[in-house]
Amino acid sequence: MAKSIDKVVRLEVPKEKIQEQNLNELIEALSENKNSLLKVIGIIKHMDENRNLDTLSAMVNHQEDILHNFSKEANKDQNAAILNNLARMTELLGSLNFEGIETLSVRNTRNLNIGKERPPTKRTGFFGLLGALRDPAVQRTLTIIIYILRGIGKNRVKNDKK
């Protein structure tokens, strides 16, 4: 029979080998993301040239002071109303139907462009008007105009009786 294992000896990887593996992983990640890293370096360089990096660093170092001042200002009465309105406006924006608004905007733009299209400069005669009455859009428009004129006439009659 085989002898039982009394002691487990762990294989220890030398520190130099671990560092070499980590370095190889890092070099591989750098080469895979070269373009992205160059862009990030460009952004950081631009921020440093404009001294925005110093501002960000100061903000990180003094974040507790900034939060304390912000909460103190937010608790003032005049600012509390602004924050309340901001929260209500955000809630309203969340409930808007943007697809419906876009459809309405497209329809409105299309209707605005209808009037800009110029028909030929040919004069419309009596028979041309009769022919236009066959158009459903013209019929709907004339119906609306007739109802408006009837309403004006009824109000006129009521005002004349007084």
N, C-alpha and C. Protein backbone atom coordinates (compact mmCIF):
# COMPACT_ATOMS: atom_id res chain seq x y z
N MET A 1 0.82 -1.18 0.00
CA MET A 1 0.00 0.00 0.00
C MET A 1 0.86 1.24 0.00
N ALA A 2 0.19 2.32 -0.45
CA ALA A 2 0.91 3.58 -0.54
C ALA A 2 0.95 4.26 0.81
N LYS A 3 1.95 5.04 0.97
CA LYS A 3 2.14 5.76 2.22
C LYS A 3 1.25 7.00 2.22
N SER A 4 0.58 7.32 3.32
CA SER A 4 -0.31 8.49 3.41
C SER A 4 0.49 9.78 3.40
N ILE A 5 -0.19 10.84 2.89
CA ILE A 5 0.45 12.15 2.79
C ILE A 5 0.26 12.86 4.11
N ASP A 6 1.35 13.19 4.74
CA ASP A 6 1.29 13.88 6.02
C ASP A 6 1.42 15.38 5.86
N LYS A 7 2.16 15.78 4.87
CA LYS A 7 2.53 17.17 4.76
C LYS A 7 2.33 17.62 3.30
N VAL A 8 1.66 18.79 3.11
CA VAL A 8 1.46 19.34 1.77
C VAL A 8 2.47 20.44 1.57
N VAL A 9 3.28 20.27 0.57
CA VAL A 9 4.30 21.27 0.28
C VAL A 9 3.79 22.12 -0.88
N ARG A 10 3.62 23.38 -0.64
CA ARG A 10 3.12 24.29 -1.68
C ARG A 10 4.28 24.72 -2.56
N LEU A 11 3.94 24.78 -3.86
CA LEU A 11 4.93 25.27 -4.80
C LEU A 11 4.96 26.77 -4.72
N GLU A 12 6.06 27.34 -4.41
CA GLU A 12 6.17 28.78 -4.32
C GLU A 12 6.75 29.31 -5.61
N VAL A 13 6.00 30.26 -6.21
CA VAL A 13 6.45 30.89 -7.45
C VAL A 13 7.36 32.05 -7.04
N PRO A 14 8.53 32.12 -7.62
CA PRO A 14 9.44 33.22 -7.24
C PRO A 14 8.84 34.59 -7.55
N LYS A 15 9.19 35.55 -6.75
CA LYS A 15 8.67 36.91 -6.89
C LYS A 15 9.01 37.48 -8.25
N GLU A 16 10.18 37.18 -8.78
CA GLU A 16 10.59 37.68 -10.08
C GLU A 16 9.69 37.14 -11.19
N LYS A 17 9.28 35.88 -11.07
CA LYS A 17 8.40 35.25 -12.06
C LYS A 17 7.02 35.92 -12.06
N ILE A 18 6.50 36.21 -10.86
CA ILE A 18 5.20 36.89 -10.73
C ILE A 18 5.28 38.28 -11.35
N GLN A 19 6.37 39.00 -11.07
CA GLN A 19 6.53 40.34 -11.64
C GLN A 19 6.61 40.28 -13.16
N GLU A 20 7.30 39.28 -13.68
CA GLU A 20 7.42 39.13 -15.13
C GLU A 20 6.06 38.84 -15.77
N GLN A 21 5.25 37.99 -15.12
CA GLN A 21 3.91 37.69 -15.64
C GLN A 21 3.03 38.95 -15.61
N ASN A 22 3.10 39.68 -14.51
CA ASN A 22 2.31 40.91 -14.40
C ASN A 22 2.72 41.93 -15.46
N LEU A 23 4.03 42.04 -15.68
CA LEU A 23 4.53 42.97 -16.68
C LEU A 23 4.07 42.56 -18.09
N ASN A 24 4.09 41.27 -18.39
CA ASN A 24 3.63 40.79 -19.69
C ASN A 24 2.13 41.07 -19.89
N GLU A 25 1.32 40.86 -18.84
CA GLU A 25 -0.12 41.16 -18.92
C GLU A 25 -0.34 42.66 -19.17
N LEU A 26 0.45 43.47 -18.47
CA LEU A 26 0.31 44.91 -18.63
C LEU A 26 0.71 45.35 -20.03
N ILE A 27 1.78 44.82 -20.56
CA ILE A 27 2.22 45.17 -21.92
C ILE A 27 1.17 44.72 -22.95
N GLU A 28 0.58 43.57 -22.75
CA GLU A 28 -0.47 43.08 -23.66
C GLU A 28 -1.70 43.98 -23.62
N ALA A 29 -2.11 44.39 -22.41
CA ALA A 29 -3.27 45.28 -22.28
C ALA A 29 -2.97 46.64 -22.91
N LEU A 30 -1.76 47.15 -22.73
CA LEU A 30 -1.37 48.43 -23.33
C LEU A 30 -1.41 48.36 -24.85
N SER A 31 -0.91 47.26 -25.42
CA SER A 31 -0.89 47.16 -26.87
C SER A 31 -2.30 46.99 -27.44
N GLU A 32 -3.20 46.31 -26.72
CA GLU A 32 -4.57 46.13 -27.19
C GLU A 32 -5.35 47.45 -27.15
N ASN A 33 -5.06 48.31 -26.19
CA ASN A 33 -5.82 49.55 -26.00
C ASN A 33 -4.99 50.79 -26.29
N LYS A 34 -4.08 50.68 -27.22
CA LYS A 34 -3.15 51.77 -27.51
C LYS A 34 -3.87 53.06 -27.88
N ASN A 35 -4.81 53.00 -28.83
CA ASN A 35 -5.50 54.21 -29.30
C ASN A 35 -6.29 54.88 -28.18
N SER A 36 -6.99 54.06 -27.40
CA SER A 36 -7.77 54.62 -26.30
C SER A 36 -6.88 55.28 -25.26
N LEU A 37 -5.78 54.64 -24.95
CA LEU A 37 -4.86 55.21 -23.96
C LEU A 37 -4.23 56.50 -24.45
N LEU A 38 -3.90 56.56 -25.74
CA LEU A 38 -3.35 57.81 -26.29
C LEU A 38 -4.37 58.94 -26.21
N LYS A 39 -5.64 58.62 -26.44
CA LYS A 39 -6.69 59.64 -26.32
C LYS A 39 -6.82 60.12 -24.88
N VAL A 40 -6.78 59.18 -23.94
CA VAL A 40 -6.88 59.54 -22.53
C VAL A 40 -5.69 60.41 -22.12
N ILE A 41 -4.52 60.06 -22.59
CA ILE A 41 -3.33 60.86 -22.28
C ILE A 41 -3.47 62.26 -22.85
N GLY A 42 -4.02 62.36 -24.08
CA GLY A 42 -4.25 63.67 -24.69
C GLY A 42 -5.23 64.51 -23.88
N ILE A 43 -6.29 63.86 -23.39
CA ILE A 43 -7.28 64.58 -22.57
C ILE A 43 -6.64 65.07 -21.28
N ILE A 44 -5.89 64.22 -20.64
CA ILE A 44 -5.23 64.60 -19.37
C ILE A 44 -4.23 65.72 -19.61
N LYS A 45 -3.49 65.64 -20.72
CA LYS A 45 -2.52 66.69 -21.04
C LYS A 45 -3.23 68.02 -21.26
N HIS A 46 -4.35 67.98 -21.98
CA HIS A 46 -5.13 69.20 -22.23
C HIS A 46 -5.68 69.77 -20.91
N MET A 47 -6.16 68.89 -20.03
CA MET A 47 -6.67 69.34 -18.74
C MET A 47 -5.56 69.95 -17.90
N ASP A 48 -4.36 69.39 -17.99
CA ASP A 48 -3.24 69.92 -17.23
C ASP A 48 -2.81 71.29 -17.77
N GLU A 49 -2.82 71.43 -19.10
CA GLU A 49 -2.45 72.72 -19.69
C GLU A 49 -3.43 73.82 -19.29
N ASN A 50 -4.70 73.48 -19.16
CA ASN A 50 -5.72 74.47 -18.79
C ASN A 50 -5.91 74.56 -17.27
N ARG A 51 -5.10 73.88 -16.52
CA ARG A 51 -5.10 73.88 -15.06
C ARG A 51 -6.39 73.30 -14.48
N ASN A 52 -7.11 72.52 -15.29
CA ASN A 52 -8.31 71.85 -14.79
C ASN A 52 -7.94 70.64 -13.94
N LEU A 53 -6.81 70.06 -14.21
CA LEU A 53 -6.35 68.91 -13.43
C LEU A 53 -6.06 69.33 -12.00
N ASP A 54 -5.50 70.53 -11.82
CA ASP A 54 -5.26 71.05 -10.47
C ASP A 54 -6.58 71.24 -9.73
N THR A 55 -7.57 71.75 -10.46
CA THR A 55 -8.89 71.97 -9.85
C THR A 55 -9.50 70.65 -9.42
N LEU A 56 -9.45 69.64 -10.30
CA LEU A 56 -9.99 68.32 -9.95
C LEU A 56 -9.25 67.72 -8.76
N SER A 57 -7.96 67.88 -8.74
CA SER A 57 -7.17 67.35 -7.63
C SER A 57 -7.56 68.02 -6.32
N ALA A 58 -7.74 69.33 -6.36
CA ALA A 58 -8.15 70.06 -5.16
C ALA A 58 -9.55 69.64 -4.72
N MET A 59 -10.42 69.42 -5.69
CA MET A 59 -11.78 68.98 -5.34
C MET A 59 -11.77 67.61 -4.67
N VAL A 60 -10.94 66.70 -5.16
CA VAL A 60 -10.85 65.37 -4.55
C VAL A 60 -10.26 65.47 -3.14
N ASN A 61 -9.26 66.33 -2.98
CA ASN A 61 -8.63 66.46 -1.66
C ASN A 61 -9.55 67.11 -0.63
N HIS A 62 -10.47 67.97 -1.09
CA HIS A 62 -11.35 68.69 -0.17
C HIS A 62 -12.81 68.33 -0.39
N GLN A 63 -13.08 67.08 -0.74
CA GLN A 63 -14.44 66.69 -1.06
C GLN A 63 -15.39 66.80 0.13
N GLU A 64 -14.91 66.55 1.32
CA GLU A 64 -15.79 66.65 2.49
C GLU A 64 -16.20 68.10 2.73
N ASP A 65 -15.28 69.03 2.55
CA ASP A 65 -15.62 70.45 2.70
C ASP A 65 -16.64 70.88 1.64
N ILE A 66 -16.44 70.41 0.43
CA ILE A 66 -17.36 70.76 -0.66
C ILE A 66 -18.76 70.22 -0.37
N LEU A 67 -18.85 68.96 0.05
CA LEU A 67 -20.16 68.38 0.38
C LEU A 67 -20.82 69.10 1.55
N HIS A 68 -20.02 69.48 2.55
CA HIS A 68 -20.57 70.22 3.70
C HIS A 68 -21.15 71.56 3.26
N ASN A 69 -20.39 72.30 2.43
CA ASN A 69 -20.86 73.60 1.95
C ASN A 69 -22.09 73.45 1.04
N PHE A 70 -22.09 72.43 0.21
CA PHE A 70 -23.23 72.20 -0.68
C PHE A 70 -24.48 71.89 0.12
N SER A 71 -24.37 71.01 1.11
CA SER A 71 -25.55 70.66 1.90
C SER A 71 -26.03 71.85 2.73
N LYS A 72 -25.09 72.67 3.21
CA LYS A 72 -25.47 73.86 3.98
C LYS A 72 -26.24 74.84 3.10
N GLU A 73 -25.78 75.06 1.85
CA GLU A 73 -26.47 75.96 0.92
C GLU A 73 -27.80 75.39 0.47
N ALA A 74 -27.87 74.07 0.30
CA ALA A 74 -29.10 73.44 -0.17
C ALA A 74 -30.21 73.52 0.88
N ASN A 75 -29.84 73.63 2.14
CA ASN A 75 -30.84 73.70 3.20
C ASN A 75 -31.41 75.10 3.41
N LYS A 76 -30.89 76.09 2.71
CA LYS A 76 -31.46 77.43 2.83
C LYS A 76 -32.79 77.48 2.11
N ASP A 77 -33.71 78.34 2.61
CA ASP A 77 -35.06 78.38 2.08
C ASP A 77 -35.11 78.71 0.59
N GLN A 78 -34.38 79.74 0.16
CA GLN A 78 -34.46 80.13 -1.25
C GLN A 78 -33.88 79.04 -2.16
N ASN A 79 -32.88 78.32 -1.71
CA ASN A 79 -32.29 77.25 -2.52
C ASN A 79 -33.11 75.97 -2.45
N ALA A 80 -33.80 75.75 -1.36
CA ALA A 80 -34.64 74.55 -1.24
C ALA A 80 -35.75 74.59 -2.28
N ALA A 81 -36.32 75.77 -2.52
CA ALA A 81 -37.37 75.88 -3.53
C ALA A 81 -36.82 75.57 -4.92
N ILE A 82 -35.62 76.04 -5.20
CA ILE A 82 -34.99 75.76 -6.50
C ILE A 82 -34.76 74.27 -6.66
N LEU A 83 -34.25 73.61 -5.64
CA LEU A 83 -34.00 72.17 -5.71
C LEU A 83 -35.31 71.39 -5.84
N ASN A 84 -36.35 71.86 -5.16
CA ASN A 84 -37.66 71.21 -5.27
C ASN A 84 -38.17 71.32 -6.71
N ASN A 85 -38.06 72.52 -7.29
CA ASN A 85 -38.50 72.70 -8.68
C ASN A 85 -37.66 71.86 -9.63
N LEU A 86 -36.37 71.73 -9.35
CA LEU A 86 -35.49 70.92 -10.18
C LEU A 86 -35.92 69.45 -10.13
N ALA A 87 -36.26 68.99 -8.94
CA ALA A 87 -36.70 67.60 -8.80
C ALA A 87 -38.02 67.38 -9.54
N ARG A 88 -38.95 68.34 -9.44
CA ARG A 88 -40.23 68.22 -10.14
C ARG A 88 -40.03 68.25 -11.65
N MET A 89 -39.10 69.11 -12.12
CA MET A 89 -38.84 69.20 -13.56
C MET A 89 -38.22 67.89 -14.06
N THR A 90 -37.33 67.30 -13.28
CA THR A 90 -36.73 66.03 -13.67
C THR A 90 -37.80 64.94 -13.74
N GLU A 91 -38.72 64.95 -12.79
CA GLU A 91 -39.81 63.98 -12.80
C GLU A 91 -40.69 64.18 -14.03
N LEU A 92 -40.96 65.43 -14.38
CA LEU A 92 -41.76 65.73 -15.56
C LEU A 92 -41.07 65.25 -16.83
N LEU A 93 -39.76 65.50 -16.93
CA LEU A 93 -39.02 65.05 -18.11
C LEU A 93 -39.04 63.53 -18.22
N GLY A 94 -39.05 62.85 -17.09
CA GLY A 94 -39.11 61.39 -17.12
C GLY A 94 -40.44 60.86 -17.59
N SER A 95 -41.50 61.64 -17.43
CA SER A 95 -42.83 61.17 -17.82
C SER A 95 -43.22 61.58 -19.23
N LEU A 96 -42.39 62.36 -19.92
CA LEU A 96 -42.72 62.79 -21.27
C LEU A 96 -42.60 61.65 -22.27
N ASN A 97 -43.48 61.66 -23.26
CA ASN A 97 -43.45 60.68 -24.33
C ASN A 97 -42.71 61.31 -25.51
N PHE A 98 -41.41 61.05 -25.61
CA PHE A 98 -40.59 61.72 -26.62
C PHE A 98 -40.92 61.26 -28.03
N GLU A 99 -41.39 60.00 -28.19
CA GLU A 99 -41.77 59.55 -29.53
C GLU A 99 -42.97 60.34 -30.01
N GLY A 100 -43.93 60.57 -29.12
CA GLY A 100 -45.11 61.36 -29.49
C GLY A 100 -44.74 62.80 -29.81
N ILE A 101 -43.83 63.37 -29.03
CA ILE A 101 -43.39 64.75 -29.28
C ILE A 101 -42.67 64.82 -30.62
N GLU A 102 -41.86 63.82 -30.92
CA GLU A 102 -41.15 63.81 -32.20
C GLU A 102 -42.13 63.70 -33.36
N THR A 103 -43.15 62.84 -33.22
CA THR A 103 -44.17 62.70 -34.27
C THR A 103 -44.90 64.02 -34.46
N LEU A 104 -45.28 64.67 -33.37
CA LEU A 104 -45.97 65.95 -33.45
C LEU A 104 -45.08 67.00 -34.11
N SER A 105 -43.80 67.01 -33.77
CA SER A 105 -42.87 67.97 -34.37
C SER A 105 -42.73 67.74 -35.86
N VAL A 106 -42.63 66.47 -36.27
CA VAL A 106 -42.50 66.16 -37.69
C VAL A 106 -43.75 66.59 -38.44
N ARG A 107 -44.93 66.32 -37.86
CA ARG A 107 -46.18 66.74 -38.51
C ARG A 107 -46.25 68.25 -38.62
N ASN A 108 -45.89 68.93 -37.55
CA ASN A 108 -45.94 70.39 -37.56
C ASN A 108 -44.99 70.96 -38.61
N THR A 109 -43.79 70.41 -38.69
CA THR A 109 -42.82 70.88 -39.68
C THR A 109 -43.33 70.62 -41.09
N ARG A 110 -43.90 69.45 -41.29
CA ARG A 110 -44.45 69.12 -42.61
C ARG A 110 -45.58 70.08 -42.97
N ASN A 111 -46.44 70.39 -41.99
CA ASN A 111 -47.54 71.32 -42.26
C ASN A 111 -47.05 72.74 -42.52
N LEU A 112 -45.96 73.12 -41.85
CA LEU A 112 -45.40 74.45 -42.10
C LEU A 112 -44.84 74.55 -43.51
N ASN A 113 -44.30 73.45 -44.00
CA ASN A 113 -43.72 73.46 -45.34
C ASN A 113 -44.77 73.41 -46.44
N ILE A 114 -45.99 73.02 -46.10
CA ILE A 114 -47.05 72.96 -47.11
C ILE A 114 -47.33 74.35 -47.67
N GLY A 115 -47.40 75.33 -46.81
CA GLY A 115 -47.70 76.69 -47.26
C GLY A 115 -46.57 77.30 -48.07
N LYS A 116 -45.37 76.78 -47.93
CA LYS A 116 -44.23 77.34 -48.65
C LYS A 116 -44.16 76.84 -50.08
N GLU A 117 -44.81 75.71 -50.34
CA GLU A 117 -44.83 75.20 -51.71
C GLU A 117 -45.72 76.10 -52.54
N ARG A 118 -45.17 76.62 -53.59
CA ARG A 118 -45.94 77.54 -54.43
C ARG A 118 -46.55 76.79 -55.59
N PRO A 119 -47.85 76.91 -55.72
CA PRO A 119 -48.48 76.30 -56.89
C PRO A 119 -48.11 77.10 -58.14
N PRO A 120 -48.37 76.57 -59.29
CA PRO A 120 -48.08 77.35 -60.49
C PRO A 120 -48.86 78.67 -60.47
N THR A 121 -48.32 79.67 -61.11
CA THR A 121 -48.91 81.01 -61.06
C THR A 121 -50.14 81.14 -61.95
N LYS A 122 -50.64 80.03 -62.43
CA LYS A 122 -51.85 80.03 -63.25
C LYS A 122 -53.03 80.49 -62.41
N ARG A 123 -53.88 81.30 -62.97
CA ARG A 123 -55.04 81.81 -62.24
C ARG A 123 -56.08 80.71 -62.11
N THR A 124 -56.76 80.71 -60.98
CA THR A 124 -57.80 79.73 -60.74
C THR A 124 -59.13 80.35 -61.10
N GLY A 125 -59.84 79.69 -61.96
CA GLY A 125 -61.15 80.18 -62.38
C GLY A 125 -62.27 79.51 -61.61
N PHE A 126 -63.49 79.75 -62.05
CA PHE A 126 -64.67 79.22 -61.37
C PHE A 126 -64.65 77.70 -61.39
N PHE A 127 -64.33 77.11 -62.55
CA PHE A 127 -64.32 75.66 -62.64
C PHE A 127 -63.14 75.07 -61.85
N GLY A 128 -62.07 75.81 -61.74
CA GLY A 128 -60.94 75.36 -60.92
C GLY A 128 -61.33 75.28 -59.45
N LEU A 129 -62.14 76.26 -58.99
CA LEU A 129 -62.63 76.22 -57.61
C LEU A 129 -63.55 75.03 -57.39
N LEU A 130 -64.42 74.78 -58.34
CA LEU A 130 -65.32 73.63 -58.22
C LEU A 130 -64.52 72.33 -58.19
N GLY A 131 -63.46 72.25 -58.98
CA GLY A 131 -62.61 71.06 -58.97
C GLY A 131 -61.88 70.90 -57.64
N ALA A 132 -61.47 72.00 -57.04
CA ALA A 132 -60.77 71.96 -55.75
C ALA A 132 -61.68 71.47 -54.64
N LEU A 133 -62.99 71.64 -54.80
CA LEU A 133 -63.94 71.19 -53.76
C LEU A 133 -63.96 69.67 -53.64
N ARG A 134 -63.43 68.96 -54.62
CA ARG A 134 -63.38 67.50 -54.53
C ARG A 134 -62.26 67.03 -53.60
N ASP A 135 -61.32 67.89 -53.30
CA ASP A 135 -60.19 67.55 -52.42
C ASP A 135 -60.69 67.46 -50.98
N PRO A 136 -60.48 66.31 -50.27
CA PRO A 136 -60.96 66.16 -48.89
C PRO A 136 -60.39 67.20 -47.93
N ALA A 137 -59.14 67.61 -48.13
CA ALA A 137 -58.55 68.61 -47.24
C ALA A 137 -59.26 69.95 -47.40
N VAL A 138 -59.60 70.31 -48.64
CA VAL A 138 -60.34 71.56 -48.89
C VAL A 138 -61.73 71.46 -48.27
N GLN A 139 -62.37 70.30 -48.40
CA GLN A 139 -63.70 70.12 -47.82
C GLN A 139 -63.67 70.28 -46.31
N ARG A 140 -62.68 69.67 -45.64
CA ARG A 140 -62.58 69.79 -44.18
C ARG A 140 -62.35 71.25 -43.78
N THR A 141 -61.48 71.93 -44.51
CA THR A 141 -61.18 73.33 -44.19
C THR A 141 -62.41 74.20 -44.36
N LEU A 142 -63.14 74.01 -45.45
CA LEU A 142 -64.36 74.80 -45.67
C LEU A 142 -65.40 74.51 -44.60
N THR A 143 -65.51 73.26 -44.16
CA THR A 143 -66.45 72.92 -43.10
C THR A 143 -66.11 73.67 -41.82
N ILE A 144 -64.83 73.71 -41.48
CA ILE A 144 -64.39 74.43 -40.27
C ILE A 144 -64.71 75.92 -40.41
N ILE A 145 -64.41 76.48 -41.58
CA ILE A 145 -64.69 77.91 -41.79
C ILE A 145 -66.18 78.19 -41.67
N ILE A 146 -67.02 77.31 -42.20
CA ILE A 146 -68.48 77.51 -42.11
C ILE A 146 -68.93 77.47 -40.66
N TYR A 147 -68.41 76.52 -39.87
CA TYR A 147 -68.78 76.46 -38.45
C TYR A 147 -68.34 77.72 -37.71
N ILE A 148 -67.16 78.22 -38.03
CA ILE A 148 -66.68 79.45 -37.39
C ILE A 148 -67.59 80.62 -37.75
N LEU A 149 -67.93 80.72 -39.02
CA LEU A 149 -68.81 81.82 -39.44
C LEU A 149 -70.19 81.71 -38.79
N ARG A 150 -70.74 80.50 -38.66
CA ARG A 150 -72.04 80.31 -37.98
C ARG A 150 -71.94 80.76 -36.53
N GLY A 151 -70.83 80.39 -35.86
CA GLY A 151 -70.66 80.80 -34.46
C GLY A 151 -70.56 82.30 -34.33
N ILE A 152 -69.86 82.95 -35.24
CA ILE A 152 -69.76 84.41 -35.21
C ILE A 152 -71.13 85.02 -35.43
N GLY A 153 -71.89 84.45 -36.39
CA GLY A 153 -73.23 84.98 -36.67
C GLY A 153 -74.16 84.84 -35.48
N LYS A 154 -74.12 83.70 -34.79
CA LYS A 154 -74.98 83.49 -33.62
C LYS A 154 -74.64 84.47 -32.51
N ASN A 155 -73.34 84.67 -32.27
CA ASN A 155 -72.93 85.64 -31.24
C ASN A 155 -73.34 87.05 -31.63
N ARG A 156 -73.27 87.33 -32.90
CA ARG A 156 -73.65 88.65 -33.40
C ARG A 156 -75.14 88.91 -33.16
N VAL A 157 -75.94 87.87 -33.43
CA VAL A 157 -77.39 88.00 -33.23
C VAL A 157 -77.69 88.19 -31.75
N LYS A 158 -77.03 87.46 -30.87
CA LYS A 158 -77.25 87.60 -29.43
C LYS A 158 -76.85 88.98 -28.96
N ASN A 159 -75.73 89.53 -29.45
CA ASN A 159 -75.29 90.85 -29.06
C ASN A 159 -76.21 91.94 -29.58
N ASP A 160 -76.78 91.74 -30.77
CA ASP A 160 -77.70 92.73 -31.33
C ASP A 160 -78.99 92.80 -30.55
N LYS A 161 -79.48 91.67 -29.99
CA LYS A 161 -80.72 91.63 -29.24
C LYS A 161 -80.58 92.35 -27.90
N LYS A 162 -79.38 92.37 -27.36
CA LYS A 162 -79.16 93.00 -26.04
C LYS A 162 -79.22 94.45 -26.22
